[in-house]
Amino acid sequence: MNAEQWNALHPIGTPVVAYPGVRPEDPLAAAVRKRQADGRFLEEADADLCRALTIVTRTPAWTLGHGDPVVSVEGYPGGIHLTHIDVIVEAPSEVAVSRG
């Protein structure tokens, strides 16, 4: 998805889970989780590499000079690649379901 497509679907303030480092399914994340379970960290940065932020977007998406689409989220500096952003889809409320 490019920045324009993202912006057409997701306004500023969209709830998301953002992965600034690596996504949880990335093999590197699995290796870090194994080190964590074994009590072996190479650096404190290991823990930061695999963190997930449940947050909202704070800017529209834009395209970097080399073509990658990114968006900024509250509490994190810079942009995060759109492939590292999962939109939180809220379930319809019980009232809306019962009226539908």
Protein backbone atom coordinates (compact mmCIF):
# COMPACT_ATOMS: atom_id res chain seq x y z
CA MET A 1 0.00 0.00 0.00
CA ASN A 2 1.35 3.42 -0.84
CA ALA A 3 0.97 6.60 1.23
CA GLU A 4 -1.94 7.96 -0.79
CA GLN A 5 -3.91 4.72 -0.46
CA TRP A 6 -3.20 4.62 3.28
CA ASN A 7 -4.35 8.21 3.77
CA ALA A 8 -7.59 7.57 1.86
CA LEU A 9 -8.44 4.76 4.31
CA HIS A 10 -6.89 5.88 7.60
CA PRO A 11 -7.15 9.41 9.02
CA ILE A 12 -4.81 10.85 11.64
CA GLY A 13 -5.70 9.29 14.99
CA THR A 14 -6.24 5.79 13.60
CA PRO A 15 -5.57 3.17 16.31
CA VAL A 16 -2.71 0.90 15.30
CA VAL A 17 -0.14 -1.57 16.53
CA ALA A 18 3.24 -0.33 15.32
CA TYR A 19 6.46 -2.33 15.16
CA PRO A 20 9.32 0.21 14.93
CA GLY A 21 11.98 -2.51 14.75
CA VAL A 22 10.95 -5.90 13.44
CA ARG A 23 7.56 -7.55 13.17
CA PRO A 24 6.92 -10.47 15.55
CA GLU A 25 6.94 -13.03 12.74
CA ASP A 26 10.41 -11.96 11.56
CA PRO A 27 13.08 -14.65 12.22
CA LEU A 28 15.18 -12.02 14.00
CA ALA A 29 12.34 -11.44 16.48
CA ALA A 30 12.19 -15.19 17.17
CA ALA A 31 15.93 -15.20 17.88
CA VAL A 32 15.60 -12.26 20.28
CA ARG A 33 12.67 -13.93 22.09
CA LYS A 34 14.79 -17.08 22.47
CA ARG A 35 17.65 -15.04 23.96
CA GLN A 36 15.15 -13.38 26.32
CA ALA A 37 13.79 -16.77 27.41
CA ASP A 38 17.34 -18.03 27.98
CA GLY A 39 18.21 -14.89 29.95
CA ARG A 40 20.82 -13.84 27.38
CA PHE A 41 20.73 -10.31 26.03
CA LEU A 42 23.56 -9.03 23.89
CA GLU A 43 22.44 -5.45 24.41
CA GLU A 44 19.48 -3.60 25.89
CA ALA A 45 18.65 -2.68 22.29
CA ASP A 46 17.55 -6.29 21.75
CA ALA A 47 14.41 -5.71 23.79
CA ASP A 48 13.68 -2.45 21.98
CA LEU A 49 14.10 -4.12 18.57
CA CYS A 50 11.02 -6.32 19.03
CA ARG A 51 8.64 -3.98 20.82
CA ALA A 52 5.06 -3.37 19.74
CA LEU A 53 3.33 -0.05 20.33
CA THR A 54 -0.45 0.07 20.66
CA ILE A 55 -0.98 3.68 19.75
CA VAL A 56 -2.60 6.09 17.26
CA THR A 57 -1.19 7.73 14.14
CA ARG A 58 -0.15 11.37 14.48
CA THR A 59 0.48 12.29 10.83
CA PRO A 60 -0.72 11.34 7.39
CA ALA A 61 1.51 8.79 5.67
CA TRP A 62 4.18 10.11 3.33
CA THR A 63 6.71 8.67 0.91
CA LEU A 64 10.41 8.85 1.69
CA GLY A 65 12.85 9.95 -1.02
CA HIS A 66 13.74 6.34 -1.89
CA GLY A 67 10.06 5.40 -2.20
CA ASP A 68 9.14 3.72 1.12
CA PRO A 69 5.78 4.79 2.62
CA VAL A 70 5.85 5.65 6.33
CA VAL A 71 3.58 7.14 9.00
CA SER A 72 4.29 8.69 12.41
CA VAL A 73 2.65 7.48 15.60
CA GLU A 74 2.20 9.19 18.98
CA GLY A 75 5.19 8.83 21.27
CA TYR A 76 7.68 7.66 18.64
CA PRO A 77 10.01 9.94 16.67
CA GLY A 78 10.16 9.62 12.91
CA GLY A 79 8.21 7.42 10.56
CA ILE A 80 7.45 3.71 10.66
CA HIS A 81 7.16 1.76 7.41
CA LEU A 82 3.55 0.92 6.56
CA THR A 83 4.43 -2.79 6.47
CA HIS A 84 5.18 -2.43 10.20
CA ILE A 85 1.76 -0.96 11.01
CA ASP A 86 -1.36 -3.02 11.77
CA VAL A 87 -4.63 -1.12 11.97
CA ILE A 88 -6.72 -2.02 15.00
CA VAL A 89 -10.17 -2.86 13.72
CA GLU A 90 -12.76 -2.29 16.39
CA ALA A 91 -15.65 -4.71 16.66
CA PRO A 92 -19.07 -3.13 16.11
CA SER A 93 -20.81 -2.23 19.34
CA GLU A 94 -23.55 -4.50 20.65
CA VAL A 95 -26.07 -1.71 20.11
CA ALA A 96 -25.13 -1.33 16.46
CA VAL A 97 -25.33 -5.10 15.95
CA SER A 98 -28.74 -5.41 17.62
CA ARG A 99 -30.17 -2.53 15.57
CA GLY A 100 -28.73 -3.83 12.30
